[in-house]
N, C-alpha and C. Protein backbone atom coordinates (compact mmCIF):
# COMPACT_ATOMS: atom_id res chain seq x y z
N MET A 1 -7.85 13.50 -11.50
CA MET A 1 -7.66 12.19 -10.95
C MET A 1 -6.19 11.93 -10.73
N LYS A 2 -5.60 12.80 -9.92
CA LYS A 2 -4.18 12.70 -9.63
C LYS A 2 -3.95 12.63 -8.14
N ALA A 3 -2.78 12.14 -7.78
CA ALA A 3 -2.34 12.17 -6.39
C ALA A 3 -0.84 12.40 -6.39
N TYR A 4 -0.36 13.18 -5.44
CA TYR A 4 1.05 13.52 -5.34
C TYR A 4 1.57 13.12 -3.96
N TRP A 5 2.85 12.77 -3.93
CA TRP A 5 3.51 12.53 -2.64
C TRP A 5 4.95 12.99 -2.82
N ASN A 6 5.33 14.02 -2.09
CA ASN A 6 6.66 14.58 -2.23
C ASN A 6 7.55 14.15 -1.07
N ASN A 7 8.82 13.97 -1.37
CA ASN A 7 9.87 13.68 -0.41
C ASN A 7 9.61 12.40 0.39
N ILE A 8 9.28 11.33 -0.31
CA ILE A 8 9.19 10.01 0.32
C ILE A 8 10.62 9.58 0.61
N ARG A 9 10.87 9.06 1.79
CA ARG A 9 12.23 8.70 2.18
C ARG A 9 12.64 7.35 1.60
N ILE A 10 12.73 7.31 0.28
CA ILE A 10 13.20 6.12 -0.42
C ILE A 10 13.82 6.57 -1.73
N SER A 11 14.77 5.83 -2.20
CA SER A 11 15.46 6.18 -3.42
C SER A 11 14.53 6.05 -4.63
N PRO A 12 14.60 6.99 -5.59
CA PRO A 12 13.74 6.88 -6.77
C PRO A 12 14.02 5.63 -7.59
N LYS A 13 15.24 5.17 -7.57
CA LYS A 13 15.62 3.98 -8.35
C LYS A 13 14.87 2.75 -7.84
N LYS A 14 14.72 2.64 -6.52
CA LYS A 14 14.01 1.50 -5.94
C LYS A 14 12.52 1.57 -6.22
N LEU A 15 11.96 2.77 -6.18
CA LEU A 15 10.53 2.92 -6.38
C LEU A 15 10.13 2.71 -7.84
N ARG A 16 11.02 3.04 -8.76
CA ARG A 16 10.72 2.86 -10.19
C ARG A 16 10.52 1.41 -10.57
N VAL A 17 11.18 0.49 -9.87
CA VAL A 17 11.05 -0.93 -10.17
C VAL A 17 9.61 -1.38 -10.01
N VAL A 18 8.98 -0.99 -8.90
CA VAL A 18 7.60 -1.38 -8.66
C VAL A 18 6.65 -0.58 -9.55
N ALA A 19 6.97 0.69 -9.79
CA ALA A 19 6.10 1.54 -10.62
C ALA A 19 6.00 1.01 -12.05
N GLU A 20 7.08 0.46 -12.57
CA GLU A 20 7.06 -0.10 -13.93
C GLU A 20 6.15 -1.32 -14.02
N ILE A 21 6.04 -2.08 -12.94
CA ILE A 21 5.22 -3.29 -12.96
C ILE A 21 3.73 -2.95 -13.01
N VAL A 22 3.29 -1.97 -12.23
CA VAL A 22 1.86 -1.70 -12.13
C VAL A 22 1.36 -0.65 -13.12
N ARG A 23 2.24 -0.04 -13.87
CA ARG A 23 1.82 0.99 -14.82
C ARG A 23 0.91 0.39 -15.89
N TRP A 24 -0.18 1.09 -16.23
CA TRP A 24 -1.16 0.72 -17.25
C TRP A 24 -1.97 -0.52 -16.86
N GLN A 25 -2.13 -0.81 -15.58
CA GLN A 25 -2.99 -1.89 -15.13
C GLN A 25 -4.29 -1.32 -14.59
N ASP A 26 -5.28 -2.21 -14.43
CA ASP A 26 -6.50 -1.81 -13.74
C ASP A 26 -6.15 -1.44 -12.31
N VAL A 27 -6.91 -0.51 -11.75
CA VAL A 27 -6.61 -0.04 -10.40
C VAL A 27 -6.78 -1.17 -9.38
N THR A 28 -7.81 -1.98 -9.54
CA THR A 28 -8.04 -3.05 -8.57
C THR A 28 -6.93 -4.09 -8.62
N LYS A 29 -6.46 -4.44 -9.82
CA LYS A 29 -5.36 -5.40 -9.94
C LYS A 29 -4.06 -4.82 -9.38
N ALA A 30 -3.83 -3.55 -9.66
CA ALA A 30 -2.62 -2.90 -9.15
C ALA A 30 -2.62 -2.83 -7.63
N LEU A 31 -3.78 -2.52 -7.04
CA LEU A 31 -3.86 -2.45 -5.58
C LEU A 31 -3.65 -3.83 -4.96
N ASP A 32 -4.20 -4.87 -5.59
CA ASP A 32 -3.99 -6.23 -5.07
C ASP A 32 -2.52 -6.60 -5.12
N PHE A 33 -1.86 -6.27 -6.22
CA PHE A 33 -0.43 -6.58 -6.34
C PHE A 33 0.39 -5.83 -5.30
N LEU A 34 0.11 -4.52 -5.17
CA LEU A 34 0.90 -3.70 -4.25
C LEU A 34 0.66 -4.07 -2.79
N LYS A 35 -0.54 -4.53 -2.47
CA LYS A 35 -0.84 -4.88 -1.09
C LYS A 35 -0.03 -6.07 -0.61
N PHE A 36 0.22 -7.03 -1.50
CA PHE A 36 0.89 -8.26 -1.09
C PHE A 36 2.32 -8.39 -1.59
N ALA A 37 2.83 -7.37 -2.26
CA ALA A 37 4.23 -7.40 -2.69
C ALA A 37 5.12 -7.25 -1.46
N PRO A 38 6.20 -8.01 -1.37
CA PRO A 38 6.99 -8.06 -0.14
C PRO A 38 8.05 -6.97 -0.02
N THR A 39 7.74 -5.76 -0.41
CA THR A 39 8.73 -4.68 -0.31
C THR A 39 8.11 -3.48 0.40
N LYS A 40 8.96 -2.68 1.01
CA LYS A 40 8.50 -1.48 1.71
C LYS A 40 7.91 -0.48 0.72
N TRP A 41 8.53 -0.33 -0.41
CA TRP A 41 8.10 0.70 -1.35
C TRP A 41 6.81 0.33 -2.04
N ALA A 42 6.45 -0.96 -2.11
CA ALA A 42 5.15 -1.35 -2.65
C ALA A 42 4.04 -0.86 -1.73
N GLY A 43 4.28 -0.93 -0.43
CA GLY A 43 3.30 -0.42 0.52
C GLY A 43 3.11 1.08 0.42
N LEU A 44 4.20 1.80 0.18
CA LEU A 44 4.10 3.25 0.02
C LEU A 44 3.34 3.61 -1.25
N LEU A 45 3.61 2.88 -2.34
CA LEU A 45 2.93 3.14 -3.59
C LEU A 45 1.46 2.74 -3.51
N TYR A 46 1.15 1.73 -2.69
CA TYR A 46 -0.24 1.32 -2.47
C TYR A 46 -1.04 2.49 -1.90
N LYS A 47 -0.48 3.17 -0.90
CA LYS A 47 -1.17 4.30 -0.28
C LYS A 47 -1.46 5.40 -1.30
N LEU A 48 -0.51 5.65 -2.18
CA LEU A 48 -0.67 6.72 -3.15
C LEU A 48 -1.70 6.36 -4.22
N VAL A 49 -1.68 5.13 -4.71
CA VAL A 49 -2.66 4.70 -5.72
C VAL A 49 -4.06 4.68 -5.11
N TYR A 50 -4.17 4.24 -3.86
CA TYR A 50 -5.46 4.22 -3.19
C TYR A 50 -6.00 5.64 -3.03
N SER A 51 -5.13 6.58 -2.72
CA SER A 51 -5.52 7.98 -2.59
C SER A 51 -6.02 8.53 -3.92
N ALA A 52 -5.32 8.21 -5.01
CA ALA A 52 -5.74 8.68 -6.33
C ALA A 52 -7.09 8.08 -6.71
N MET A 53 -7.30 6.79 -6.38
CA MET A 53 -8.57 6.15 -6.67
C MET A 53 -9.70 6.80 -5.85
N SER A 54 -9.45 7.10 -4.61
CA SER A 54 -10.45 7.75 -3.77
C SER A 54 -10.77 9.15 -4.29
N ASN A 55 -9.75 9.86 -4.77
CA ASN A 55 -9.98 11.18 -5.36
C ASN A 55 -10.88 11.08 -6.58
N ALA A 56 -10.66 10.07 -7.41
CA ALA A 56 -11.46 9.91 -8.62
C ALA A 56 -12.90 9.55 -8.29
N ILE A 57 -13.09 8.71 -7.27
CA ILE A 57 -14.45 8.30 -6.91
C ILE A 57 -15.21 9.44 -6.25
N ASN A 58 -14.60 10.10 -5.28
CA ASN A 58 -15.30 11.14 -4.53
C ASN A 58 -15.42 12.46 -5.27
N ASN A 59 -14.36 12.88 -5.95
CA ASN A 59 -14.36 14.20 -6.57
C ASN A 59 -14.91 14.20 -7.99
N ASP A 60 -14.63 13.14 -8.77
CA ASP A 60 -15.04 13.12 -10.16
C ASP A 60 -16.21 12.20 -10.45
N GLY A 61 -16.66 11.42 -9.47
CA GLY A 61 -17.81 10.55 -9.67
C GLY A 61 -17.54 9.36 -10.56
N GLN A 62 -16.32 8.89 -10.64
CA GLN A 62 -15.97 7.73 -11.46
C GLN A 62 -16.25 6.45 -10.68
N SER A 63 -16.36 5.34 -11.41
CA SER A 63 -16.50 4.05 -10.74
C SER A 63 -15.14 3.36 -10.72
N LYS A 64 -14.94 2.52 -9.73
CA LYS A 64 -13.65 1.86 -9.52
C LYS A 64 -13.27 0.95 -10.68
N GLU A 65 -14.28 0.31 -11.29
CA GLU A 65 -14.02 -0.65 -12.37
C GLU A 65 -13.55 0.00 -13.66
N ASP A 66 -13.85 1.29 -13.84
CA ASP A 66 -13.50 1.98 -15.08
C ASP A 66 -12.13 2.64 -15.05
N LEU A 67 -11.42 2.57 -13.94
CA LEU A 67 -10.16 3.29 -13.79
C LEU A 67 -8.97 2.40 -14.09
N ILE A 68 -7.98 2.97 -14.77
CA ILE A 68 -6.69 2.31 -14.96
C ILE A 68 -5.60 3.29 -14.55
N LEU A 69 -4.46 2.72 -14.16
CA LEU A 69 -3.31 3.56 -13.82
C LEU A 69 -2.72 4.11 -15.11
N GLY A 70 -2.66 5.40 -15.21
CA GLY A 70 -2.08 6.01 -16.39
C GLY A 70 -0.58 6.17 -16.22
N THR A 71 -0.18 7.35 -15.82
CA THR A 71 1.23 7.60 -15.65
C THR A 71 1.61 7.57 -14.18
N ILE A 72 2.77 7.01 -13.90
CA ILE A 72 3.37 7.07 -12.58
C ILE A 72 4.75 7.67 -12.77
N ILE A 73 4.93 8.88 -12.28
CA ILE A 73 6.19 9.59 -12.46
C ILE A 73 6.94 9.58 -11.14
N THR A 74 8.15 9.07 -11.16
CA THR A 74 8.99 9.07 -9.97
C THR A 74 10.23 9.92 -10.25
N ASN A 75 10.27 11.08 -9.64
CA ASN A 75 11.39 12.01 -9.82
C ASN A 75 12.21 12.11 -8.56
N LYS A 76 13.42 12.62 -8.72
CA LYS A 76 14.30 12.83 -7.59
C LYS A 76 13.79 13.98 -6.74
N GLY A 77 13.80 13.79 -5.43
CA GLY A 77 13.40 14.83 -4.50
C GLY A 77 14.61 15.42 -3.80
N LEU A 78 14.42 15.86 -2.58
CA LEU A 78 15.52 16.39 -1.79
C LEU A 78 16.52 15.28 -1.48
N VAL A 79 17.77 15.67 -1.29
CA VAL A 79 18.80 14.73 -0.88
C VAL A 79 19.37 15.24 0.44
N TYR A 80 19.15 14.45 1.50
CA TYR A 80 19.69 14.80 2.80
C TYR A 80 21.13 14.33 2.86
N LYS A 81 22.02 15.23 3.26
CA LYS A 81 23.44 14.91 3.29
C LYS A 81 23.88 14.71 4.73
N ARG A 82 24.44 13.56 4.99
CA ARG A 82 24.93 13.22 6.31
C ARG A 82 26.39 12.80 6.20
N GLY A 83 27.05 12.69 7.33
CA GLY A 83 28.44 12.26 7.31
C GLY A 83 28.68 11.14 8.29
N GLN A 84 29.61 10.26 7.94
CA GLN A 84 30.00 9.17 8.82
C GLN A 84 31.48 9.35 9.14
N ALA A 85 31.79 9.42 10.41
CA ALA A 85 33.17 9.63 10.83
C ALA A 85 34.02 8.40 10.51
N ILE A 86 35.22 8.66 9.99
CA ILE A 86 36.19 7.60 9.73
C ILE A 86 37.52 8.01 10.37
N SER A 87 38.55 7.25 10.12
CA SER A 87 39.83 7.49 10.78
C SER A 87 40.47 8.81 10.34
N ARG A 88 41.40 9.28 11.14
CA ARG A 88 42.20 10.49 10.91
C ARG A 88 41.35 11.75 10.84
N GLY A 89 40.21 11.78 11.51
CA GLY A 89 39.39 12.98 11.55
C GLY A 89 38.66 13.30 10.27
N ARG A 90 38.54 12.34 9.40
CA ARG A 90 37.83 12.57 8.13
C ARG A 90 36.40 12.05 8.23
N SER A 91 35.66 12.24 7.15
CA SER A 91 34.29 11.70 7.13
C SER A 91 33.92 11.32 5.70
N HIS A 92 33.05 10.33 5.62
CA HIS A 92 32.47 9.95 4.34
C HIS A 92 31.07 10.52 4.27
N ARG A 93 30.70 10.95 3.08
CA ARG A 93 29.38 11.53 2.88
C ARG A 93 28.35 10.43 2.66
N ILE A 94 27.22 10.55 3.32
CA ILE A 94 26.11 9.64 3.14
C ILE A 94 24.95 10.44 2.56
N LEU A 95 24.42 10.01 1.42
CA LEU A 95 23.31 10.69 0.76
C LEU A 95 22.03 9.93 1.03
N LYS A 96 21.09 10.57 1.67
CA LYS A 96 19.78 9.97 1.93
C LYS A 96 18.81 10.58 0.94
N ARG A 97 18.47 9.80 -0.08
CA ARG A 97 17.69 10.31 -1.20
C ARG A 97 16.19 10.23 -0.91
N THR A 98 15.45 11.14 -1.52
CA THR A 98 13.99 11.13 -1.42
C THR A 98 13.40 11.16 -2.83
N THR A 99 12.11 10.91 -2.92
CA THR A 99 11.43 10.77 -4.20
C THR A 99 10.16 11.60 -4.21
N ASN A 100 9.88 12.23 -5.34
CA ASN A 100 8.60 12.87 -5.60
C ASN A 100 7.82 11.99 -6.57
N VAL A 101 6.61 11.60 -6.20
CA VAL A 101 5.83 10.68 -7.02
C VAL A 101 4.51 11.33 -7.42
N THR A 102 4.12 11.16 -8.69
CA THR A 102 2.84 11.61 -9.21
C THR A 102 2.14 10.42 -9.84
N VAL A 103 0.91 10.16 -9.41
CA VAL A 103 0.10 9.09 -9.98
C VAL A 103 -1.10 9.73 -10.66
N GLU A 104 -1.34 9.35 -11.92
CA GLU A 104 -2.48 9.87 -12.66
C GLU A 104 -3.31 8.70 -13.18
N LEU A 105 -4.60 8.74 -12.87
CA LEU A 105 -5.50 7.69 -13.32
C LEU A 105 -6.24 8.12 -14.57
N GLN A 106 -6.61 7.15 -15.38
CA GLN A 106 -7.37 7.41 -16.60
C GLN A 106 -8.59 6.51 -16.63
N VAL A 107 -9.56 6.89 -17.43
CA VAL A 107 -10.79 6.10 -17.58
C VAL A 107 -10.62 5.17 -18.79
N LYS A 108 -11.08 3.93 -18.64
CA LYS A 108 -11.03 2.99 -19.77
C LYS A 108 -11.85 3.52 -20.92
N LYS A 109 -11.37 3.23 -22.12
CA LYS A 109 -12.11 3.71 -23.30
C LYS A 109 -13.00 2.63 -23.84
């Protein structure tokens, strides 16, 4: 009952804020929160949690009401390095960070 998403084009620091809020909640409550949260990364996390829930229902035969969000791991992914031209022929480095996310669901006891 897992779902993975690698190299999401968002900083892991930003995604961890939302992940901390929904961790250890019921799946239905977490999906409701993520659907209406006013941030881009909440929408991305919504897709991943919904995918994990669908995997649990279709592959493992679980019911939606018995599932809770277990662990949400947000790790650093690839870092795209870009440059911005500045005066005197120099450049500043721009780091475009990505995130690897793992969502694991558990059954209520």
